[in-house]
Structures are given as structure tokens and as C-alpha cells.
Amino acid sequence: MVPDAPKPWGARVLFVLSAALAALALRLAWEEPVVAAVLLLIFLVTVGLRLRARRRTRELFASGDVQSILASWSSTLARVPHPETMGPLMTATALALHGWVERARAVLLTAERGPAWEAALEHRLFLDTVLLTFEGHPEEAVEKAQALEALPLPTDEPAMAERIRFLRGAVAALARAFNHAGEPGDTQRMIQASAQSPLVHWAMRYGAAIRSVDAGKLEQARGLIASAPSWPEESRFAAFQLELDAELARLESGGSGDPPVAGAEAGSPAEIEAAKEAPGPTVTDEDDDARVGGG
């Protein structure tokens, strides 16, 4: 399974502690109400700390500051199993999901090949799908996504299996969006993924925005990228943002044309200026998934 953002040990301790305190408070509620009240207060404070940590994590990922994200992971990455393999894989994943595809490729080359590399097939297929999508090879990305979805689920636990299935479907929807070949439900799937997993927040919002443009849902598309950070030139998202902004402005003024470059083969830093001159998308028939709200 492709991991979410690594959770620091403190968050895990807070989770275990809050669960234990809640159970103990319920047990003592009748016998020792004062003690139970104190434990309940501690429980509420603990939950508050967890919610605050979660909110700060979401704010960090929404900022798009991949350097700060990686800095917050540094101690965790040093302790993961097989750090010589999984460290570069997770670092490359964070970079790719924020548009830093060239640097992600370079980091990926440093990952040690061996049993851990082979065992991380699902992670590697996920990462390949993202990289190929943002490098302008959406058809190859779709093939990788199909291979990912065809893998056996690594768990029988229903909730975890459903989460893995959902993430596989979301990255497949992302590849289809950049290939202008979406399926019903793709937009909603990407928006849900951006809300549920901070790590894929902006990648999924750009995919959903392209899908919305293709369906003629211009207000929805603009809402999805309105709060985007100012991306550095090294990130492909800088080009995607320019292209989508220009395309939306053109379509809102009554223009028409071919699909935006962000969903085709442009998007490298050197192509940002060329992207401004590229023709925009043909608005397709409205599909079911375009009815979901943006923002």
C-alpha cells in the first residue's frame, strides 16, 4: 500500500493514550465519578491535541512547501524498515505529488534495489503512475494504474482494503484526467482523495480541475485551484496553474479549442511560457461526475 504522510511517534502515543483514558473513564463512571470526570477532562485535552496536530499536518500539505514536508518527515524516514529503499521511495513520492518530477526521478535512483524494492511493487506502481502523468505520458500512466488496480489486495481487513482500493482508483482517475479520458465518478473520487489524504491534496485537485474543464464546469474548476500556493518553477504545478488559469479565462470569455497542455505533453519548467500560447480544451458532453461541488 502507498503510505500516507508518516505519523510521528507522538501522534501514535496520543492515540493509544486517548483510547485507554476513555475506556478507564467509562469503567469508573459509576464507582468513582470524580476520578472519571478528571480522566474525561484529560481525554478531551488529548483528543484536542490530536485534532490540532492533524490540522497542522493538513495546513502543511496544503501549503505545497515540499521542503518543509520532507523536513517534518526526516526523523521518521530514518526509522522506517529498510530505510535505504523506503526512504528514497517515500521522498520521491512526496516530491512527485508536488510536481517536482525531475528531482523525484533523481532521488528514486538512489533507492537500494533488493527484496524490499521488489516487495514495494504497489508503491512503485503508484509512483510510476504519478510521474508518468506529470511528465506528459498519460497513456503510459493509465497502463501503470491499470496494473496497480489489478494487484491483489494486501489485506483482508475490510476498512484497510477499501482504503487501498480507493487510493488505487483515485490515482487511476488522475491518469485518466490528464489523458482527457475520464470515467463517471472520477471528479468526485479525486476531490474526496484530496480531502482524505493530505499527501495527494494538490495532485488530485489539479486532476479534478482538468476533468471539470473538460466537462464545462468552469466555476468548479476555478474553485479547485483558487487557493493554490505560488509554486516554484521546479514544480510542474507552476505550469499547470498558468495553463489552467489562462484556459479558464479564455473559456469564460467564450473561447473554444483543443485540450489544455496540462493534460497533454507540456508542463516542464522550460515550457511554462510556451504553455501560455497553447490552445485550450474542447468542452465535452457533461458527464455524471462533474456534478460534484468544487472548493
C-alpha atoms as a PDB file:
ATOM      1  CA  MET A   1       0.000   0.000   0.000  1.00  0.00           C
ATOM      2  CA  VAL A   2       1.198   3.534  -0.748  1.00  0.00           C
ATOM      3  CA  PRO A   3       1.649   5.191   2.653  1.00  0.00           C
ATOM      4  CA  ASP A   4       0.050   8.399   3.818  1.00  0.00           C
ATOM      5  CA  ALA A   5       2.237  11.027   5.398  1.00  0.00           C
ATOM      6  CA  PRO A   6       4.344   9.316   8.090  1.00  0.00           C
ATOM      7  CA  LYS A   7       2.817   9.779  11.527  1.00  0.00           C
ATOM      8  CA  PRO A   8       5.274  10.928  14.220  1.00  0.00           C
ATOM      9  CA  TRP A   9       5.569   8.746  17.313  1.00  0.00           C
ATOM     10  CA  GLY A  10       3.878  11.422  19.401  1.00  0.00           C
ATOM     11  CA  ALA A  11       0.661  11.137  17.401  1.00  0.00           C
ATOM     12  CA  ARG A  12       0.625   7.372  17.878  1.00  0.00           C
ATOM     13  CA  VAL A  13       1.183   7.738  21.625  1.00  0.00           C
ATOM     14  CA  LEU A  14      -1.652  10.261  21.876  1.00  0.00           C
ATOM     15  CA  PHE A  15      -3.979   7.872  20.055  1.00  0.00           C
ATOM     16  CA  VAL A  16      -3.229   4.959  22.382  1.00  0.00           C
ATOM     17  CA  LEU A  17      -3.385   7.180  25.460  1.00  0.00           C
ATOM     18  CA  SER A  18      -6.725   8.742  24.498  1.00  0.00           C
ATOM     19  CA  ALA A  19      -8.285   5.330  23.867  1.00  0.00           C
ATOM     20  CA  ALA A  20      -7.043   3.994  27.214  1.00  0.00           C
ATOM     21  CA  LEU A  21      -8.264   7.043  29.128  1.00  0.00           C
ATOM     22  CA  ALA A  22     -11.700   6.865  27.520  1.00  0.00           C
ATOM     23  CA  ALA A  23     -12.070   3.198  28.425  1.00  0.00           C
ATOM     24  CA  LEU A  24     -10.945   3.797  32.019  1.00  0.00           C
ATOM     25  CA  ALA A  25     -13.248   6.812  32.417  1.00  0.00           C
ATOM     26  CA  LEU A  26     -16.257   4.753  31.329  1.00  0.00           C
ATOM     27  CA  ARG A  27     -15.306   1.968  33.712  1.00  0.00           C
ATOM     28  CA  LEU A  28     -15.075   4.358  36.692  1.00  0.00           C
ATOM     29  CA  ALA A  29     -18.100   6.488  35.813  1.00  0.00           C
ATOM     30  CA  TRP A  30     -20.362   4.861  38.431  1.00  0.00           C
ATOM     31  CA  GLU A  31     -17.833   3.844  41.063  1.00  0.00           C
ATOM     32  CA  GLU A  32     -15.600   6.932  41.147  1.00  0.00           C
ATOM     33  CA  PRO A  33     -17.382   9.801  39.382  1.00  0.00           C
ATOM     34  CA  VAL A  34     -14.820  12.454  40.409  1.00  0.00           C
ATOM     35  CA  VAL A  35     -11.917  10.381  39.132  1.00  0.00           C
ATOM     36  CA  ALA A  36     -13.899   9.625  35.988  1.00  0.00           C
ATOM     37  CA  ALA A  37     -14.510  13.344  35.447  1.00  0.00           C
ATOM     38  CA  VAL A  38     -10.795  14.085  35.709  1.00  0.00           C
ATOM     39  CA  LEU A  39      -9.952  11.282  33.299  1.00  0.00           C
ATOM     40  CA  LEU A  40     -12.612  12.536  30.894  1.00  0.00           C
ATOM     41  CA  LEU A  41     -11.082  16.021  31.010  1.00  0.00           C
ATOM     42  CA  ILE A  42      -7.649  14.547  30.244  1.00  0.00           C
ATOM     43  CA  PHE A  43      -9.214  12.550  27.427  1.00  0.00           C
ATOM     44  CA  LEU A  44     -10.767  15.668  25.896  1.00  0.00           C
ATOM     45  CA  VAL A  45      -7.458  17.548  26.088  1.00  0.00           C
ATOM     46  CA  THR A  46      -5.688  14.604  24.447  1.00  0.00           C
ATOM     47  CA  VAL A  47      -8.256  14.499  21.640  1.00  0.00           C
ATOM     48  CA  GLY A  48      -7.842  18.245  21.208  1.00  0.00           C
ATOM     49  CA  LEU A  49      -4.100  17.820  20.801  1.00  0.00           C
ATOM     50  CA  ARG A  50      -4.660  15.111  18.187  1.00  0.00           C
ATOM     51  CA  LEU A  51      -7.066  17.310  16.235  1.00  0.00           C
ATOM     52  CA  ARG A  52      -4.640  20.222  16.414  1.00  0.00           C
ATOM     53  CA  ALA A  53      -1.784  18.038  15.126  1.00  0.00           C
ATOM     54  CA  ARG A  54      -3.986  16.771  12.305  1.00  0.00           C
ATOM     55  CA  ARG A  55      -4.998  20.300  11.360  1.00  0.00           C
ATOM     56  CA  ARG A  56      -1.354  21.424  11.306  1.00  0.00           C
ATOM     57  CA  THR A  57      -0.472  18.471   9.073  1.00  0.00           C
ATOM     58  CA  ARG A  58      -3.216  19.395   6.611  1.00  0.00           C
ATOM     59  CA  GLU A  59      -2.119  23.029   6.621  1.00  0.00           C
ATOM     60  CA  LEU A  60       1.461  21.972   5.902  1.00  0.00           C
ATOM     61  CA  PHE A  61       0.480  19.859   2.899  1.00  0.00           C
ATOM     62  CA  ALA A  62      -1.962  22.480   1.621  1.00  0.00           C
ATOM     63  CA  SER A  63       0.929  24.975   1.637  1.00  0.00           C
ATOM     64  CA  GLY A  64       2.684  22.935  -1.049  1.00  0.00           C
ATOM     65  CA  ASP A  65       6.028  23.535   0.700  1.00  0.00           C
ATOM     66  CA  VAL A  66       7.648  20.212  -0.114  1.00  0.00           C
ATOM     67  CA  GLN A  67      10.921  21.184   1.589  1.00  0.00           C
ATOM     68  CA  SER A  68       9.128  21.696   4.914  1.00  0.00           C
ATOM     69  CA  ILE A  69       7.143  18.493   4.383  1.00  0.00           C
ATOM     70  CA  LEU A  70      10.322  16.483   3.901  1.00  0.00           C
ATOM     71  CA  ALA A  71      11.938  18.191   6.884  1.00  0.00           C
ATOM     72  CA  SER A  72       8.983  17.130   9.053  1.00  0.00           C
ATOM     73  CA  TRP A  73       9.472  13.545   7.851  1.00  0.00           C
ATOM     74  CA  SER A  74      13.234  13.365   8.379  1.00  0.00           C
ATOM     75  CA  SER A  75      13.307  11.570  11.728  1.00  0.00           C
ATOM     76  CA  THR A  76      10.504   9.212  10.715  1.00  0.00           C
ATOM     77  CA  LEU A  77      12.158   8.244   7.425  1.00  0.00           C
ATOM     78  CA  ALA A  78      15.339   7.328   9.299  1.00  0.00           C
ATOM     79  CA  ARG A  79      13.385   4.775  11.348  1.00  0.00           C
ATOM     80  CA  VAL A  80      11.271   3.097   8.646  1.00  0.00           C
ATOM     81  CA  PRO A  81      12.068  -0.545   7.829  1.00  0.00           C
ATOM     82  CA  HIS A  82      14.698  -0.812   5.064  1.00  0.00           C
ATOM     83  CA  PRO A  83      15.427   2.949   5.052  1.00  0.00           C
ATOM     84  CA  GLU A  84      17.940   2.580   2.208  1.00  0.00           C
ATOM     85  CA  THR A  85      14.995   1.587  -0.021  1.00  0.00           C
ATOM     86  CA  MET A  86      11.886   3.022   1.581  1.00  0.00           C
ATOM     87  CA  GLY A  87      13.428   6.392   2.444  1.00  0.00           C
ATOM     88  CA  PRO A  88      14.100   7.353  -1.187  1.00  0.00           C
ATOM     89  CA  LEU A  89      10.780   5.827  -2.296  1.00  0.00           C
ATOM     90  CA  MET A  90       8.787   7.909   0.182  1.00  0.00           C
ATOM     91  CA  THR A  91      10.833  11.035  -0.522  1.00  0.00           C
ATOM     92  CA  ALA A  92      10.345  10.614  -4.277  1.00  0.00           C
ATOM     93  CA  THR A  93       6.611  10.123  -3.724  1.00  0.00           C
ATOM     94  CA  ALA A  94       6.308  13.395  -1.799  1.00  0.00           C
ATOM     95  CA  LEU A  95       8.296  15.231  -4.473  1.00  0.00           C
ATOM     96  CA  ALA A  96       6.282  13.755  -7.343  1.00  0.00           C
ATOM     97  CA  LEU A  97       2.950  14.548  -5.709  1.00  0.00           C
ATOM     98  CA  HIS A  98       4.010  18.199  -5.551  1.00  0.00           C
ATOM     99  CA  GLY A  99       5.169  18.343  -9.154  1.00  0.00           C
ATOM    100  CA  TRP A 100       8.921  18.029  -8.559  1.00  0.00           C
ATOM    101  CA  VAL A 101       9.260  15.207 -11.081  1.00  0.00           C
ATOM    102  CA  GLU A 102      12.898  15.694 -12.110  1.00  0.00           C
ATOM    103  CA  ARG A 103      14.096  15.702  -8.521  1.00  0.00           C
ATOM    104  CA  ALA A 104      11.831  12.731  -7.727  1.00  0.00           C
ATOM    105  CA  ARG A 105      13.446  10.727 -10.535  1.00  0.00           C
ATOM    106  CA  ALA A 106      16.909  11.612  -9.231  1.00  0.00           C
ATOM    107  CA  VAL A 107      16.054  10.559  -5.672  1.00  0.00           C
ATOM    108  CA  LEU A 108      14.481   7.334  -6.919  1.00  0.00           C
ATOM    109  CA  LEU A 109      17.801   6.330  -8.499  1.00  0.00           C
ATOM    110  CA  THR A 110      19.368   6.292  -5.027  1.00  0.00           C
ATOM    111  CA  ALA A 111      16.949   3.665  -3.669  1.00  0.00           C
ATOM    112  CA  GLU A 112      18.650   0.343  -2.983  1.00  0.00           C
ATOM    113  CA  ARG A 113      17.315  -2.489  -5.136  1.00  0.00           C
ATOM    114  CA  GLY A 114      16.699  -5.810  -3.454  1.00  0.00           C
ATOM    115  CA  PRO A 115      13.960  -7.710  -1.596  1.00  0.00           C
ATOM    116  CA  ALA A 116      12.460  -4.526  -0.095  1.00  0.00           C
ATOM    117  CA  TRP A 117      12.333  -2.922  -3.546  1.00  0.00           C
ATOM    118  CA  GLU A 118      10.557  -5.938  -5.004  1.00  0.00           C
ATOM    119  CA  ALA A 119       8.135  -6.055  -2.073  1.00  0.00           C
ATOM    120  CA  ALA A 120       7.203  -2.390  -2.653  1.00  0.00           C
ATOM    121  CA  LEU A 121       5.595  -3.136  -6.030  1.00  0.00           C
ATOM    122  CA  GLU A 122       2.349  -1.340  -5.158  1.00  0.00           C
ATOM    123  CA  HIS A 123       4.227   1.756  -4.014  1.00  0.00           C
ATOM    124  CA  ARG A 124       6.379   1.739  -7.151  1.00  0.00           C
ATOM    125  CA  LEU A 125       3.379   1.392  -9.484  1.00  0.00           C
ATOM    126  CA  PHE A 126       1.653   4.267  -7.685  1.00  0.00           C
ATOM    127  CA  LEU A 127       4.743   6.447  -8.023  1.00  0.00           C
ATOM    128  CA  ASP A 128       5.274   5.482 -11.682  1.00  0.00           C
ATOM    129  CA  THR A 129       1.669   6.442 -12.432  1.00  0.00           C
ATOM    130  CA  VAL A 130       2.105   9.877 -10.863  1.00  0.00           C
ATOM    131  CA  LEU A 131       5.464  10.561 -12.524  1.00  0.00           C
ATOM    132  CA  LEU A 132       4.331   9.489 -15.995  1.00  0.00           C
ATOM    133  CA  THR A 133       1.178  11.569 -15.630  1.00  0.00           C
ATOM    134  CA  PHE A 134       3.049  14.750 -14.763  1.00  0.00           C
ATOM    135  CA  GLU A 135       5.831  14.100 -17.258  1.00  0.00           C
ATOM    136  CA  GLY A 136       3.314  14.195 -20.100  1.00  0.00           C
ATOM    137  CA  HIS A 137       2.858  10.469 -20.753  1.00  0.00           C
ATOM    138  CA  PRO A 138      -0.725   9.928 -19.607  1.00  0.00           C
ATOM    139  CA  GLU A 139      -1.353   6.848 -21.767  1.00  0.00           C
ATOM    140  CA  GLU A 140       1.584   5.041 -20.160  1.00  0.00           C
ATOM    141  CA  ALA A 141       0.375   6.305 -16.787  1.00  0.00           C
ATOM    142  CA  VAL A 142      -3.052   4.781 -17.405  1.00  0.00           C
ATOM    143  CA  GLU A 143      -1.385   1.426 -18.134  1.00  0.00           C
ATOM    144  CA  LYS A 144       0.547   1.607 -14.849  1.00  0.00           C
ATOM    145  CA  ALA A 145      -2.650   2.496 -12.993  1.00  0.00           C
ATOM    146  CA  GLN A 146      -4.419  -0.491 -14.515  1.00  0.00           C
ATOM    147  CA  ALA A 147      -1.581  -2.745 -13.364  1.00  0.00           C
ATOM    148  CA  LEU A 148      -1.873  -1.212  -9.885  1.00  0.00           C
ATOM    149  CA  GLU A 149      -5.614  -1.835  -9.698  1.00  0.00           C
ATOM    150  CA  ALA A 150      -5.093  -5.445 -10.833  1.00  0.00           C
ATOM    151  CA  LEU A 151      -2.805  -6.275  -7.885  1.00  0.00           C
ATOM    152  CA  PRO A 152      -4.263  -8.492  -5.141  1.00  0.00           C
ATOM    153  CA  LEU A 153      -5.230  -6.535  -2.055  1.00  0.00           C
ATOM    154  CA  PRO A 154      -2.514  -6.939   0.615  1.00  0.00           C
ATOM    155  CA  THR A 155      -5.015  -7.227   3.479  1.00  0.00           C
ATOM    156  CA  ASP A 156      -8.332  -8.887   4.339  1.00  0.00           C
ATOM    157  CA  GLU A 157      -9.264  -6.197   6.866  1.00  0.00           C
ATOM    158  CA  PRO A 158     -12.358  -4.536   5.284  1.00  0.00           C
ATOM    159  CA  ALA A 159     -11.645  -0.897   6.173  1.00  0.00           C
ATOM    160  CA  MET A 160      -7.996  -1.067   5.118  1.00  0.00           C
ATOM    161  CA  ALA A 161      -8.837  -2.961   1.932  1.00  0.00           C
ATOM    162  CA  GLU A 162     -11.411  -0.330   0.996  1.00  0.00           C
ATOM    163  CA  ARG A 163      -8.927   2.477   1.647  1.00  0.00           C
ATOM    164  CA  ILE A 164      -6.330   0.823  -0.589  1.00  0.00           C
ATOM    165  CA  ARG A 165      -8.911   0.226  -3.306  1.00  0.00           C
ATOM    166  CA  PHE A 166      -9.999   3.868  -3.088  1.00  0.00           C
ATOM    167  CA  LEU A 167      -6.433   5.231  -3.415  1.00  0.00           C
ATOM    168  CA  ARG A 168      -5.788   2.952  -6.387  1.00  0.00           C
ATOM    169  CA  GLY A 169      -8.938   4.244  -8.041  1.00  0.00           C
ATOM    170  CA  ALA A 170      -8.021   7.854  -7.311  1.00  0.00           C
ATOM    171  CA  VAL A 171      -4.591   7.650  -8.951  1.00  0.00           C
ATOM    172  CA  ALA A 172      -6.168   5.871 -11.934  1.00  0.00           C
ATOM    173  CA  ALA A 173      -8.662   8.749 -12.193  1.00  0.00           C
ATOM    174  CA  LEU A 174      -5.741  11.208 -12.074  1.00  0.00           C
ATOM    175  CA  ALA A 175      -4.030   9.493 -15.010  1.00  0.00           C
ATOM    176  CA  ARG A 176      -7.292   9.438 -16.994  1.00  0.00           C
ATOM    177  CA  ALA A 177      -7.913  13.130 -16.289  1.00  0.00           C
ATOM    178  CA  PHE A 178      -4.571  14.119 -17.812  1.00  0.00           C
ATOM    179  CA  ASN A 179      -5.375  11.827 -20.747  1.00  0.00           C
ATOM    180  CA  HIS A 180      -8.791  13.520 -21.202  1.00  0.00           C
ATOM    181  CA  ALA A 181     -10.448  10.125 -20.931  1.00  0.00           C
ATOM    182  CA  GLY A 182     -12.276  10.187 -17.630  1.00  0.00           C
ATOM    183  CA  GLU A 183     -14.976   7.878 -16.354  1.00  0.00           C
ATOM    184  CA  PRO A 184     -18.177   8.745 -14.453  1.00  0.00           C
ATOM    185  CA  GLY A 185     -17.312   9.413 -10.828  1.00  0.00           C
ATOM    186  CA  ASP A 186     -13.681  10.378 -11.467  1.00  0.00           C
ATOM    187  CA  THR A 187     -14.038  14.014 -10.405  1.00  0.00           C
ATOM    188  CA  GLN A 188     -15.741  13.134  -7.152  1.00  0.00           C
ATOM    189  CA  ARG A 189     -13.168  10.413  -6.462  1.00  0.00           C
ATOM    190  CA  MET A 190     -10.267  12.851  -6.867  1.00  0.00           C
ATOM    191  CA  ILE A 191     -11.920  15.535  -4.741  1.00  0.00           C
ATOM    192  CA  GLN A 192     -12.567  13.003  -1.996  1.00  0.00           C
ATOM    193  CA  ALA A 193      -8.969  11.802  -2.167  1.00  0.00           C
ATOM    194  CA  SER A 194      -7.671  15.370  -1.885  1.00  0.00           C
ATOM    195  CA  ALA A 195      -9.743  15.832   1.270  1.00  0.00           C
ATOM    196  CA  GLN A 196      -8.935  12.480   2.873  1.00  0.00           C
ATOM    197  CA  SER A 197      -5.202  12.181   2.193  1.00  0.00           C
ATOM    198  CA  PRO A 198      -3.089  15.333   2.672  1.00  0.00           C
ATOM    199  CA  LEU A 199      -0.219  13.822   0.681  1.00  0.00           C
ATOM    200  CA  VAL A 200      -2.202  13.792  -2.588  1.00  0.00           C
ATOM    201  CA  HIS A 201      -4.079  17.047  -1.931  1.00  0.00           C
ATOM    202  CA  TRP A 202      -2.835  19.206  -4.803  1.00  0.00           C
ATOM    203  CA  ALA A 203      -2.189  16.427  -7.299  1.00  0.00           C
ATOM    204  CA  MET A 204      -5.822  15.340  -7.067  1.00  0.00           C
ATOM    205  CA  ARG A 205      -7.167  18.884  -7.177  1.00  0.00           C
ATOM    206  CA  TYR A 206      -5.335  19.575 -10.436  1.00  0.00           C
ATOM    207  CA  GLY A 207      -6.678  16.339 -11.895  1.00  0.00           C
ATOM    208  CA  ALA A 208     -10.210  17.218 -10.793  1.00  0.00           C
ATOM    209  CA  ALA A 209      -9.811  20.724 -12.245  1.00  0.00           C
ATOM    210  CA  ILE A 210      -8.833  19.347 -15.656  1.00  0.00           C
ATOM    211  CA  ARG A 211     -11.779  16.956 -15.530  1.00  0.00           C
ATOM    212  CA  SER A 212     -14.086  19.848 -14.648  1.00  0.00           C
ATOM    213  CA  VAL A 213     -12.792  21.959 -17.538  1.00  0.00           C
ATOM    214  CA  ASP A 214     -13.391  19.081 -19.937  1.00  0.00           C
ATOM    215  CA  ALA A 215     -16.976  18.842 -18.671  1.00  0.00           C
ATOM    216  CA  GLY A 216     -17.562  22.583 -18.999  1.00  0.00           C
ATOM    217  CA  LYS A 217     -17.727  23.105 -15.222  1.00  0.00           C
ATOM    218  CA  LEU A 218     -15.572  26.228 -15.212  1.00  0.00           C
ATOM    219  CA  GLU A 219     -16.648  27.606 -11.832  1.00  0.00           C
ATOM    220  CA  GLN A 220     -15.925  24.250 -10.211  1.00  0.00           C
ATOM    221  CA  ALA A 221     -12.508  24.058 -11.866  1.00  0.00           C
ATOM    222  CA  ARG A 222     -11.571  27.546 -10.710  1.00  0.00           C
ATOM    223  CA  GLY A 223     -12.688  26.770  -7.174  1.00  0.00           C
ATOM    224  CA  LEU A 224     -10.449  23.703  -7.056  1.00  0.00           C
ATOM    225  CA  ILE A 225      -7.259  25.652  -7.798  1.00  0.00           C
ATOM    226  CA  ALA A 226      -8.155  29.093  -6.423  1.00  0.00           C
ATOM    227  CA  SER A 227      -6.194  28.601  -3.185  1.00  0.00           C
ATOM    228  CA  ALA A 228      -3.133  27.022  -4.821  1.00  0.00           C
ATOM    229  CA  PRO A 229       0.209  28.261  -3.489  1.00  0.00           C
ATOM    230  CA  SER A 230       2.753  30.061  -5.630  1.00  0.00           C
ATOM    231  CA  TRP A 231       4.635  27.057  -6.994  1.00  0.00           C
ATOM    232  CA  PRO A 232       8.377  27.272  -7.655  1.00  0.00           C
ATOM    233  CA  GLU A 233       9.475  26.899 -11.259  1.00  0.00           C
ATOM    234  CA  GLU A 234      10.924  23.451 -10.483  1.00  0.00           C
ATOM    235  CA  SER A 235       7.399  22.136  -9.887  1.00  0.00           C
ATOM    236  CA  ARG A 236       5.280  21.119 -12.875  1.00  0.00           C
ATOM    237  CA  PHE A 237       2.359  22.562 -10.945  1.00  0.00           C
ATOM    238  CA  ALA A 238       3.614  26.064 -11.786  1.00  0.00           C
ATOM    239  CA  ALA A 239       2.943  25.351 -15.461  1.00  0.00           C
ATOM    240  CA  PHE A 240      -0.331  23.559 -14.759  1.00  0.00           C
ATOM    241  CA  GLN A 241      -1.588  26.548 -12.772  1.00  0.00           C
ATOM    242  CA  LEU A 242      -0.692  29.004 -15.538  1.00  0.00           C
ATOM    243  CA  GLU A 243      -2.268  26.847 -18.212  1.00  0.00           C
ATOM    244  CA  LEU A 244      -5.479  26.278 -16.310  1.00  0.00           C
ATOM    245  CA  ASP A 245      -5.815  29.942 -15.329  1.00  0.00           C
ATOM    246  CA  ALA A 246      -5.310  31.016 -18.942  1.00  0.00           C
ATOM    247  CA  GLU A 247      -7.662  28.344 -20.252  1.00  0.00           C
ATOM    248  CA  LEU A 248     -10.392  29.212 -17.794  1.00  0.00           C
ATOM    249  CA  ALA A 249     -10.106  32.905 -18.649  1.00  0.00           C
ATOM    250  CA  ARG A 250     -10.341  32.107 -22.359  1.00  0.00           C
ATOM    251  CA  LEU A 251     -13.337  29.800 -21.989  1.00  0.00           C
ATOM    252  CA  GLU A 252     -15.105  32.203 -19.655  1.00  0.00           C
ATOM    253  CA  SER A 253     -14.785  34.834 -22.383  1.00  0.00           C
ATOM    254  CA  GLY A 254     -16.425  32.490 -24.900  1.00  0.00           C
ATOM    255  CA  GLY A 255     -13.394  30.816 -26.470  1.00  0.00           C
ATOM    256  CA  SER A 256     -13.082  27.210 -27.624  1.00  0.00           C
ATOM    257  CA  GLY A 257     -10.255  24.955 -28.740  1.00  0.00           C
ATOM    258  CA  ASP A 258      -8.209  21.841 -28.075  1.00  0.00           C
ATOM    259  CA  PRO A 259      -7.380  20.194 -24.695  1.00  0.00           C
ATOM    260  CA  PRO A 260      -5.083  22.172 -22.377  1.00  0.00           C
ATOM    261  CA  VAL A 261      -1.391  21.386 -22.419  1.00  0.00           C
ATOM    262  CA  ALA A 262      -1.521  20.399 -18.735  1.00  0.00           C
ATOM    263  CA  GLY A 263      -3.391  17.291 -19.782  1.00  0.00           C
ATOM    264  CA  ALA A 264      -1.261  16.571 -22.798  1.00  0.00           C
ATOM    265  CA  GLU A 265       2.524  16.690 -23.102  1.00  0.00           C
ATOM    266  CA  ALA A 266       3.677  20.007 -21.687  1.00  0.00           C
ATOM    267  CA  GLY A 267       4.287  21.135 -18.139  1.00  0.00           C
ATOM    268  CA  SER A 268       8.078  21.155 -17.711  1.00  0.00           C
ATOM    269  CA  PRO A 269       9.571  24.344 -16.284  1.00  0.00           C
ATOM    270  CA  ALA A 270      11.042  25.286 -19.668  1.00  0.00           C
ATOM    271  CA  GLU A 271       7.596  25.053 -21.274  1.00  0.00           C
ATOM    272  CA  ILE A 272       5.751  27.462 -18.999  1.00  0.00           C
ATOM    273  CA  GLU A 273       5.915  30.352 -21.441  1.00  0.00           C
ATOM    274  CA  ALA A 274       5.046  28.117 -24.393  1.00  0.00           C
ATOM    275  CA  ALA A 275       2.074  26.814 -22.433  1.00  0.00           C
ATOM    276  CA  LYS A 276       0.622  30.326 -22.301  1.00  0.00           C
ATOM    277  CA  GLU A 277       0.306  30.277 -26.083  1.00  0.00           C
ATOM    278  CA  ALA A 278      -1.106  26.746 -26.311  1.00  0.00           C
ATOM    279  CA  PRO A 279      -4.727  26.231 -27.446  1.00  0.00           C
ATOM    280  CA  GLY A 280      -7.269  25.194 -24.840  1.00  0.00           C
ATOM    281  CA  PRO A 281      -9.653  22.275 -24.399  1.00  0.00           C
ATOM    282  CA  THR A 282     -12.713  21.280 -26.297  1.00  0.00           C
ATOM    283  CA  VAL A 283     -15.580  21.155 -23.847  1.00  0.00           C
ATOM    284  CA  THR A 284     -17.025  17.648 -23.924  1.00  0.00           C
ATOM    285  CA  ASP A 285     -20.509  16.387 -23.151  1.00  0.00           C
ATOM    286  CA  GLU A 286     -21.359  16.856 -19.489  1.00  0.00           C
ATOM    287  CA  ASP A 287     -20.850  13.654 -17.521  1.00  0.00           C
ATOM    288  CA  ASP A 288     -22.188  12.417 -14.218  1.00  0.00           C
ATOM    289  CA  ASP A 289     -19.110  13.036 -12.127  1.00  0.00           C
ATOM    290  CA  ALA A 290     -18.945  16.731 -12.992  1.00  0.00           C
ATOM    291  CA  ARG A 291     -21.898  17.466 -10.691  1.00  0.00           C
ATOM    292  CA  VAL A 292     -19.807  17.349  -7.523  1.00  0.00           C
ATOM    293  CA  GLY A 293     -19.099  20.716  -5.849  1.00  0.00           C
ATOM    294  CA  GLY A 294     -15.639  22.260  -6.031  1.00  0.00           C
ATOM    295  CA  GLY A 295     -13.603  24.130  -3.447  1.00  0.00           C
END
